[in-house]
PDB file of N, CA and C in Angstrom:
ATOM      1  N   MET A   1     120.876  98.778 100.074  1.00  0.00           N
ATOM      2  CA  MET A   1     120.362  99.571  98.984  1.00  0.00           C
ATOM      3  C   MET A   1     120.110  98.714  97.744  1.00  0.00           C
ATOM      4  N   ALA A   2     120.707  97.595  97.694  1.00  0.00           N
ATOM      5  CA  ALA A   2     120.546  96.738  96.528  1.00  0.00           C
ATOM      6  C   ALA A   2     119.234  95.963  96.553  1.00  0.00           C
ATOM      7  N   ARG A   3     118.386  96.242  97.533  1.00  0.00           N
ATOM      8  CA  ARG A   3     117.144  95.477  97.638  1.00  0.00           C
ATOM      9  C   ARG A   3     116.185  95.770  96.500  1.00  0.00           C
ATOM     10  N   THR A   4     116.191  96.995  96.019  1.00  0.00           N
ATOM     11  CA  THR A   4     115.236  97.361  94.975  1.00  0.00           C
ATOM     12  C   THR A   4     115.917  98.156  93.874  1.00  0.00           C
ATOM     13  N   VAL A   5     115.278  98.196  92.724  1.00  0.00           N
ATOM     14  CA  VAL A   5     115.732  99.047  91.632  1.00  0.00           C
ATOM     15  C   VAL A   5     115.215 100.450  91.921  1.00  0.00           C
ATOM     16  N   CYS A   6     116.040 101.454  91.672  1.00  0.00           N
ATOM     17  CA  CYS A   6     115.633 102.835  91.924  1.00  0.00           C
ATOM     18  C   CYS A   6     114.453 103.193  91.017  1.00  0.00           C
ATOM     19  N   LYS A   7     113.301 103.373  91.622  1.00  0.00           N
ATOM     20  CA  LYS A   7     112.092 103.661  90.846  1.00  0.00           C
ATOM     21  C   LYS A   7     112.136 105.055  90.219  1.00  0.00           C
ATOM     22  N   ALA A   8     112.734 106.015  90.917  1.00  0.00           N
ATOM     23  CA  ALA A   8     112.841 107.371  90.372  1.00  0.00           C
ATOM     24  C   ALA A   8     113.700 107.366  89.112  1.00  0.00           C
ATOM     25  N   TRP A   9     114.786 106.599  89.123  1.00  0.00           N
ATOM     26  CA  TRP A   9     115.637 106.486  87.950  1.00  0.00           C
ATOM     27  C   TRP A   9     114.926 105.720  86.840  1.00  0.00           C
ATOM     28  N   LYS A  10     114.274 104.616  87.213  1.00  0.00           N
ATOM     29  CA  LYS A  10     113.580 103.778  86.236  1.00  0.00           C
ATOM     30  C   LYS A  10     112.449 104.546  85.538  1.00  0.00           C
ATOM     31  N   ASN A  11     111.746 105.406  86.297  1.00  0.00           N
ATOM     32  CA  ASN A  11     110.643 106.189  85.728  1.00  0.00           C
ATOM     33  C   ASN A  11     111.114 107.417  84.972  1.00  0.00           C
ATOM     34  N   GLY A  12     112.412 107.682  84.992  1.00  0.00           N
ATOM     35  CA  GLY A  12     112.941 108.844  84.282  1.00  0.00           C
ATOM     36  C   GLY A  12     112.825 110.151  85.050  1.00  0.00           C
ATOM     37  N   GLU A  13     112.501 110.096  86.342  1.00  0.00           N
ATOM     38  CA  GLU A  13     112.379 111.319  87.146  1.00  0.00           C
ATOM     39  C   GLU A  13     113.739 111.933  87.448  1.00  0.00           C
ATOM     40  N   VAL A  14     114.774 111.089  87.530  1.00  0.00           N
ATOM     41  CA  VAL A  14     116.135 111.554  87.817  1.00  0.00           C
ATOM     42  C   VAL A  14     117.097 110.877  86.844  1.00  0.00           C
ATOM     43  N   LYS A  15     118.291 111.465  86.687  1.00  0.00           N
ATOM     44  CA  LYS A  15     119.264 110.925  85.737  1.00  0.00           C
ATOM     45  C   LYS A  15     120.112 109.803  86.318  1.00  0.00           C
ATOM     46  N   HIS A  16     120.326 109.833  87.637  1.00  0.00           N
ATOM     47  CA  HIS A  16     121.173 108.840  88.291  1.00  0.00           C
ATOM     48  C   HIS A  16     120.502 108.368  89.570  1.00  0.00           C
ATOM     49  N   ARG A  17     120.889 107.178  89.998  1.00  0.00           N
ATOM     50  CA  ARG A  17     120.428 106.663  91.281  1.00  0.00           C
ATOM     51  C   ARG A  17     120.948 107.580  92.381  1.00  0.00           C
ATOM     52  N   GLY A  18     120.225 107.692  93.484  1.00  0.00           N
ATOM     53  CA  GLY A  18     120.631 108.559  94.588  1.00  0.00           C
ATOM     54  C   GLY A  18     121.932 108.115  95.231  1.00  0.00           C
ATOM     55  N   LYS A  19     122.548 109.021  95.972  1.00  0.00           N
ATOM     56  CA  LYS A  19     123.816 108.736  96.640  1.00  0.00           C
ATOM     57  C   LYS A  19     123.599 107.733  97.769  1.00  0.00           C
ATOM     58  N   ALA A  20     124.472 106.739  97.818  1.00  0.00           N
ATOM     59  CA  ALA A  20     124.362 105.683  98.833  1.00  0.00           C
ATOM     60  C   ALA A  20     124.954 106.136 100.162  1.00  0.00           C
ATOM     61  N   THR A  21     124.408 105.595 101.237  1.00  0.00           N
ATOM     62  CA  THR A  21     124.919 105.846 102.572  1.00  0.00           C
ATOM     63  C   THR A  21     124.944 104.539 103.344  1.00  0.00           C
ATOM     64  N   LEU A  22     126.033 104.297 104.039  1.00  0.00           N
ATOM     65  CA  LEU A  22     126.170 103.107 104.877  1.00  0.00           C
ATOM     66  C   LEU A  22     125.654 103.467 106.258  1.00  0.00           C
ATOM     67  N   GLU A  23     124.575 102.837 106.685  1.00  0.00           N
ATOM     68  CA  GLU A  23     123.930 103.210 107.938  1.00  0.00           C
ATOM     69  C   GLU A  23     124.297 102.304 109.110  1.00  0.00           C
ATOM     70  N   TRP A  24     124.383 100.999 108.896  1.00  0.00           N
ATOM     71  CA  TRP A  24     124.707 100.068 109.970  1.00  0.00           C
ATOM     72  C   TRP A  24     125.121  98.728 109.378  1.00  0.00           C
ATOM     73  N   HIS A  25     125.600  97.833 110.232  1.00  0.00           N
ATOM     74  CA  HIS A  25     126.021  96.501 109.794  1.00  0.00           C
ATOM     75  C   HIS A  25     125.122  95.439 110.421  1.00  0.00           C
ATOM     76  N   LYS A  26     124.738  94.483 109.624  1.00  0.00           N
ATOM     77  CA  LYS A  26     123.901  93.367 110.071  1.00  0.00           C
ATOM     78  C   LYS A  26     124.751  92.107 109.962  1.00  0.00           C
ATOM     79  N   ASP A  27     125.184  91.599 111.102  1.00  0.00           N
ATOM     80  CA  ASP A  27     126.073  90.429 111.143  1.00  0.00           C
ATOM     81  C   ASP A  27     127.305  90.641 110.259  1.00  0.00           C
ATOM     82  N   GLY A  28     127.878  91.828 110.320  1.00  0.00           N
ATOM     83  CA  GLY A  28     129.082  92.134 109.560  1.00  0.00           C
ATOM     84  C   GLY A  28     128.835  92.549 108.121  1.00  0.00           C
ATOM     85  N   VAL A  29     127.587  92.522 107.677  1.00  0.00           N
ATOM     86  CA  VAL A  29     127.255  92.904 106.303  1.00  0.00           C
ATOM     87  C   VAL A  29     126.745  94.343 106.305  1.00  0.00           C
ATOM     88  N   PRO A  30     127.372  95.234 105.525  1.00  0.00           N
ATOM     89  CA  PRO A  30     126.916  96.621 105.515  1.00  0.00           C
ATOM     90  C   PRO A  30     125.506  96.754 104.947  1.00  0.00           C
ATOM     91  N   GLN A  31     124.722  97.616 105.578  1.00  0.00           N
ATOM     92  CA  GLN A  31     123.352  97.878 105.132  1.00  0.00           C
ATOM     93  C   GLN A  31     123.320  99.269 104.502  1.00  0.00           C
ATOM     94  N   TYR A  32     123.198  99.301 103.195  1.00  0.00           N
ATOM     95  CA  TYR A  32     123.224 100.557 102.458  1.00  0.00           C
ATOM     96  C   TYR A  32     121.811 101.088 102.260  1.00  0.00           C
ATOM     97  N   TYR A  33     121.716 102.391 102.303  1.00  0.00           N
ATOM     98  CA  TYR A  33     120.455 103.083 102.040  1.00  0.00           C
ATOM     99  C   TYR A  33     120.749 104.210 101.054  1.00  0.00           C
ATOM    100  N   CYS A  34     119.739 104.926 100.669  1.00  0.00           N
ATOM    101  CA  CYS A  34     119.865 105.977  99.665  1.00  0.00           C
ATOM    102  C   CYS A  34     119.387 107.309 100.261  1.00  0.00           C
ATOM    103  N   TYR A  35     120.109 108.383  99.964  1.00  0.00           N
ATOM    104  CA  TYR A  35     119.669 109.704 100.428  1.00  0.00           C
ATOM    105  C   TYR A  35     118.446 110.196  99.656  1.00  0.00           C
ATOM    106  N   GLY A  36     118.251 109.705  98.448  1.00  0.00           N
ATOM    107  CA  GLY A  36     117.103 110.107  97.645  1.00  0.00           C
ATOM    108  C   GLY A  36     117.317 111.445  96.967  1.00  0.00           C
ATOM    109  N   TYR A  37     116.280 111.936  96.334  1.00  0.00           N
ATOM    110  CA  TYR A  37     116.322 113.209  95.628  1.00  0.00           C
ATOM    111  C   TYR A  37     115.301 114.166  96.220  1.00  0.00           C
ATOM    112  N   TYR A  38     115.694 115.413  96.314  1.00  0.00           N
ATOM    113  CA  TYR A  38     114.837 116.449  96.878  1.00  0.00           C
ATOM    114  C   TYR A  38     114.294 117.354  95.786  1.00  0.00           C
ATOM    115  N   ASP A  39     113.047 117.743  95.940  1.00  0.00           N
ATOM    116  CA  ASP A  39     112.401 118.688  95.046  1.00  0.00           C
ATOM    117  C   ASP A  39     112.982 120.069  95.349  1.00  0.00           C
ATOM    118  N   SER A  40     113.550 120.725  94.361  1.00  0.00           N
ATOM    119  CA  SER A  40     114.199 122.018  94.592  1.00  0.00           C
ATOM    120  C   SER A  40     113.199 123.125  94.938  1.00  0.00           C
ATOM    121  N   MET A  41     111.942 122.929  94.594  1.00  0.00           N
ATOM    122  CA  MET A  41     110.924 123.941  94.904  1.00  0.00           C
ATOM    123  C   MET A  41     110.473 123.867  96.361  1.00  0.00           C
ATOM    124  N   THR A  42     110.402 122.662  96.920  1.00  0.00           N
ATOM    125  CA  THR A  42     109.858 122.497  98.272  1.00  0.00           C
ATOM    126  C   THR A  42     110.895 122.019  99.289  1.00  0.00           C
ATOM    127  N   ASP A  43     112.078 121.630  98.830  1.00  0.00           N
ATOM    128  CA  ASP A  43     113.118 121.071  99.698  1.00  0.00           C
ATOM    129  C   ASP A  43     112.642 119.822 100.445  1.00  0.00           C
ATOM    130  N   GLU A  44     111.741 119.085  99.853  1.00  0.00           N
ATOM    131  CA  GLU A  44     111.268 117.818 100.398  1.00  0.00           C
ATOM    132  C   GLU A  44     111.631 116.700  99.428  1.00  0.00           C
ATOM    133  N   LEU A  45     111.718 115.476  99.948  1.00  0.00           N
ATOM    134  CA  LEU A  45     111.973 114.333  99.080  1.00  0.00           C
ATOM    135  C   LEU A  45     110.882 114.232  98.026  1.00  0.00           C
ATOM    136  N   ILE A  46     111.282 113.820  96.827  1.00  0.00           N
ATOM    137  CA  ILE A  46     110.249 113.590  95.816  1.00  0.00           C
ATOM    138  C   ILE A  46     109.417 112.387  96.279  1.00  0.00           C
ATOM    139  N   GLU A  47     108.207 112.322  95.821  1.00  0.00           N
ATOM    140  CA  GLU A  47     107.253 111.309  96.299  1.00  0.00           C
ATOM    141  C   GLU A  47     107.777 109.889  96.102  1.00  0.00           C
ATOM    142  N   THR A  48     108.423 109.635  94.984  1.00  0.00           N
ATOM    143  CA  THR A  48     108.951 108.298  94.722  1.00  0.00           C
ATOM    144  C   THR A  48     109.964 107.898  95.784  1.00  0.00           C
ATOM    145  N   CYS A  49     110.830 108.821  96.183  1.00  0.00           N
ATOM    146  CA  CYS A  49     111.849 108.531  97.200  1.00  0.00           C
ATOM    147  C   CYS A  49     111.228 108.408  98.591  1.00  0.00           C
ATOM    148  N   LYS A  50     110.175 109.153  98.853  1.00  0.00           N
ATOM    149  CA  LYS A  50     109.496 109.042 100.149  1.00  0.00           C
ATOM    150  C   LYS A  50     108.953 107.640 100.368  1.00  0.00           C
ATOM    151  N   ASN A  51     108.488 107.000  99.303  1.00  0.00           N
ATOM    152  CA  ASN A  51     107.865 105.683  99.396  1.00  0.00           C
ATOM    153  C   ASN A  51     108.847 104.529  99.234  1.00  0.00           C
ATOM    154  N   CYS A  52     110.114 104.828  98.990  1.00  0.00           N
ATOM    155  CA  CYS A  52     111.108 103.781  98.747  1.00  0.00           C
ATOM    156  C   CYS A  52     111.673 103.256 100.064  1.00  0.00           C
ATOM    157  N   ARG A  53     111.675 101.938 100.245  1.00  0.00           N
ATOM    158  CA  ARG A  53     112.196 101.316 101.471  1.00  0.00           C
ATOM    159  C   ARG A  53     113.708 101.452 101.596  1.00  0.00           C
ATOM    160  N   ASP A  54     114.393 101.786 100.516  1.00  0.00           N
ATOM    161  CA  ASP A  54     115.838 101.966 100.560  1.00  0.00           C
ATOM    162  C   ASP A  54     116.236 103.374 100.965  1.00  0.00           C
ATOM    163  N   ASN A  55     115.273 104.251 101.191  1.00  0.00           N
ATOM    164  CA  ASN A  55     115.600 105.608 101.621  1.00  0.00           C
ATOM    165  C   ASN A  55     116.142 105.581 103.037  1.00  0.00           C
ATOM    166  N   GLU A  56     117.117 106.432 103.317  1.00  0.00           N
ATOM    167  CA  GLU A  56     117.789 106.414 104.618  1.00  0.00           C
ATOM    168  C   GLU A  56     116.860 106.722 105.781  1.00  0.00           C
ATOM    169  N   ARG A  57     115.720 107.290 105.533  1.00  0.00           N
ATOM    170  CA  ARG A  57     114.806 107.584 106.639  1.00  0.00           C
ATOM    171  C   ARG A  57     114.218 106.316 107.257  1.00  0.00           C
ATOM    172  N   TYR A  58     114.332 105.178 106.558  1.00  0.00           N
ATOM    173  CA  TYR A  58     113.851 103.901 107.089  1.00  0.00           C
ATOM    174  C   TYR A  58     114.944 103.117 107.809  1.00  0.00           C
ATOM    175  N   ALA A  59     116.178 103.597 107.800  1.00  0.00           N
ATOM    176  CA  ALA A  59     117.310 102.856 108.361  1.00  0.00           C
ATOM    177  C   ALA A  59     117.146 102.594 109.860  1.00  0.00           C
ATOM    178  N   GLN A  60     116.756 103.594 110.617  1.00  0.00           N
ATOM    179  CA  GLN A  60     116.631 103.419 112.060  1.00  0.00           C
ATOM    180  C   GLN A  60     115.548 102.396 112.406  1.00  0.00           C
ATOM    181  N   GLY A  61     114.438 102.442 111.722  1.00  0.00           N
ATOM    182  CA  GLY A  61     113.370 101.477 111.959  1.00  0.00           C
ATOM    183  C   GLY A  61     113.802 100.063 111.625  1.00  0.00           C
ATOM    184  N   ASP A  62     114.545  99.904 110.516  1.00  0.00           N
ATOM    185  CA  ASP A  62     115.049  98.581 110.145  1.00  0.00           C
ATOM    186  C   ASP A  62     116.034  98.070 111.184  1.00  0.00           C
ATOM    187  N   LEU A  63     116.896  98.952 111.668  1.00  0.00           N
ATOM    188  CA  LEU A  63     117.866  98.570 112.695  1.00  0.00           C
ATOM    189  C   LEU A  63     117.158  98.125 113.968  1.00  0.00           C
ATOM    190  N   GLU A  64     116.190  98.895 114.424  1.00  0.00           N
ATOM    191  CA  GLU A  64     115.463  98.559 115.648  1.00  0.00           C
ATOM    192  C   GLU A  64     114.705  97.243 115.494  1.00  0.00           C
ATOM    193  N   ALA A  65     114.103  97.007 114.330  1.00  0.00           N
ATOM    194  CA  ALA A  65     113.386  95.749 114.093  1.00  0.00           C
ATOM    195  C   ALA A  65     114.355  94.574 114.106  1.00  0.00           C
ATOM    196  N   TRP A  66     115.531  94.739 113.500  1.00  0.00           N
ATOM    197  CA  TRP A  66     116.516  93.668 113.486  1.00  0.00           C
ATOM    198  C   TRP A  66     117.044  93.394 114.893  1.00  0.00           C
ATOM    199  N   LEU A  67     117.295  94.456 115.676  1.00  0.00           N
ATOM    200  CA  LEU A  67     117.775  94.277 117.046  1.00  0.00           C
ATOM    201  C   LEU A  67     116.739  93.555 117.907  1.00  0.00           C
ATOM    202  N   ALA A  68     115.463  93.892 117.738  1.00  0.00           N
ATOM    203  CA  ALA A  68     114.399  93.218 118.486  1.00  0.00           C
ATOM    204  C   ALA A  68     114.327  91.746 118.096  1.00  0.00           C
ATOM    205  N   GLN A  69     114.478  91.458 116.821  1.00  0.00           N
ATOM    206  CA  GLN A  69     114.456  90.076 116.334  1.00  0.00           C
ATOM    207  C   GLN A  69     115.643  89.296 116.906  1.00  0.00           C
ATOM    208  N   GLU A  70     116.808  89.916 116.939  1.00  0.00           N
ATOM    209  CA  GLU A  70     117.997  89.267 117.495  1.00  0.00           C
ATOM    210  C   GLU A  70     117.836  89.015 118.995  1.00  0.00           C
ATOM    211  N   GLU A  71     117.239  89.970 119.693  1.00  0.00           N
ATOM    212  CA  GLU A  71     117.013  89.804 121.130  1.00  0.00           C
ATOM    213  C   GLU A  71     116.059  88.637 121.398  1.00  0.00           C
ATOM    214  N   GLU A  72     114.998  88.541 120.624  1.00  0.00           N
ATOM    215  CA  GLU A  72     114.062  87.427 120.763  1.00  0.00           C
ATOM    216  C   GLU A  72     114.746  86.095 120.481  1.00  0.00           C
ATOM    217  N   ARG A  73     115.594  86.071 119.461  1.00  0.00           N
ATOM    218  CA  ARG A  73     116.312  84.852 119.106  1.00  0.00           C
ATOM    219  C   ARG A  73     117.252  84.429 120.238  1.00  0.00           C
ATOM    220  N   LEU A  74     117.955  85.392 120.838  1.00  0.00           N
ATOM    221  CA  LEU A  74     118.863  85.088 121.937  1.00  0.00           C
ATOM    222  C   LEU A  74     118.119  84.598 123.172  1.00  0.00           C
ATOM    223  N   GLN A  75     116.956  85.207 123.445  1.00  0.00           N
ATOM    224  CA  GLN A  75     116.149  84.759 124.587  1.00  0.00           C
ATOM    225  C   GLN A  75     115.638  83.344 124.364  1.00  0.00           C
ATOM    226  N   ALA A  76     115.256  83.024 123.135  1.00  0.00           N
ATOM    227  CA  ALA A  76     114.776  81.679 122.830  1.00  0.00           C
ATOM    228  C   ALA A  76     115.896  80.659 122.969  1.00  0.00           C
ATOM    229  N   GLU A  77     117.099  81.027 122.568  1.00  0.00           N
ATOM    230  CA  GLU A  77     118.245  80.119 122.707  1.00  0.00           C
ATOM    231  C   GLU A  77     118.599  79.904 124.167  1.00  0.00           C
ATOM    232  N   ASN A  78     118.535  80.953 124.967  1.00  0.00           N
ATOM    233  CA  ASN A  78     118.881  80.853 126.384  1.00  0.00           C
ATOM    234  C   ASN A  78     117.844  80.078 127.199  1.00  0.00           C
ATOM    235  N   SER A  79     116.586  80.128 126.782  1.00  0.00           N
ATOM    236  CA  SER A  79     115.541  79.434 127.521  1.00  0.00           C
ATOM    237  C   SER A  79     115.444  77.956 127.146  1.00  0.00           C
ATOM    238  N   ALA A  80     116.025  77.604 126.035  1.00  0.00           N
ATOM    239  CA  ALA A  80     115.964  76.210 125.567  1.00  0.00           C
ATOM    240  C   ALA A  80     116.957  75.310 126.265  1.00  0.00           C
TER     241      ALA A  80
END
């Protein structure tokens, strides 16, 4: 979650940064994401949070990309 500054907070759309969530560990380092803020009228994420890479909805994709990268690295080490 520390990858970016909260744009919703920076733009004054919200008073505080969103609640953090620990989604997975990368080589023992916790990977934090943000739950974001929901529009009370539509019950959907506000647009700023939808576009933020630190939103928890991107956690699974980041995990899968990292696992694929690790698998490729292990295959390269084993073939060498």
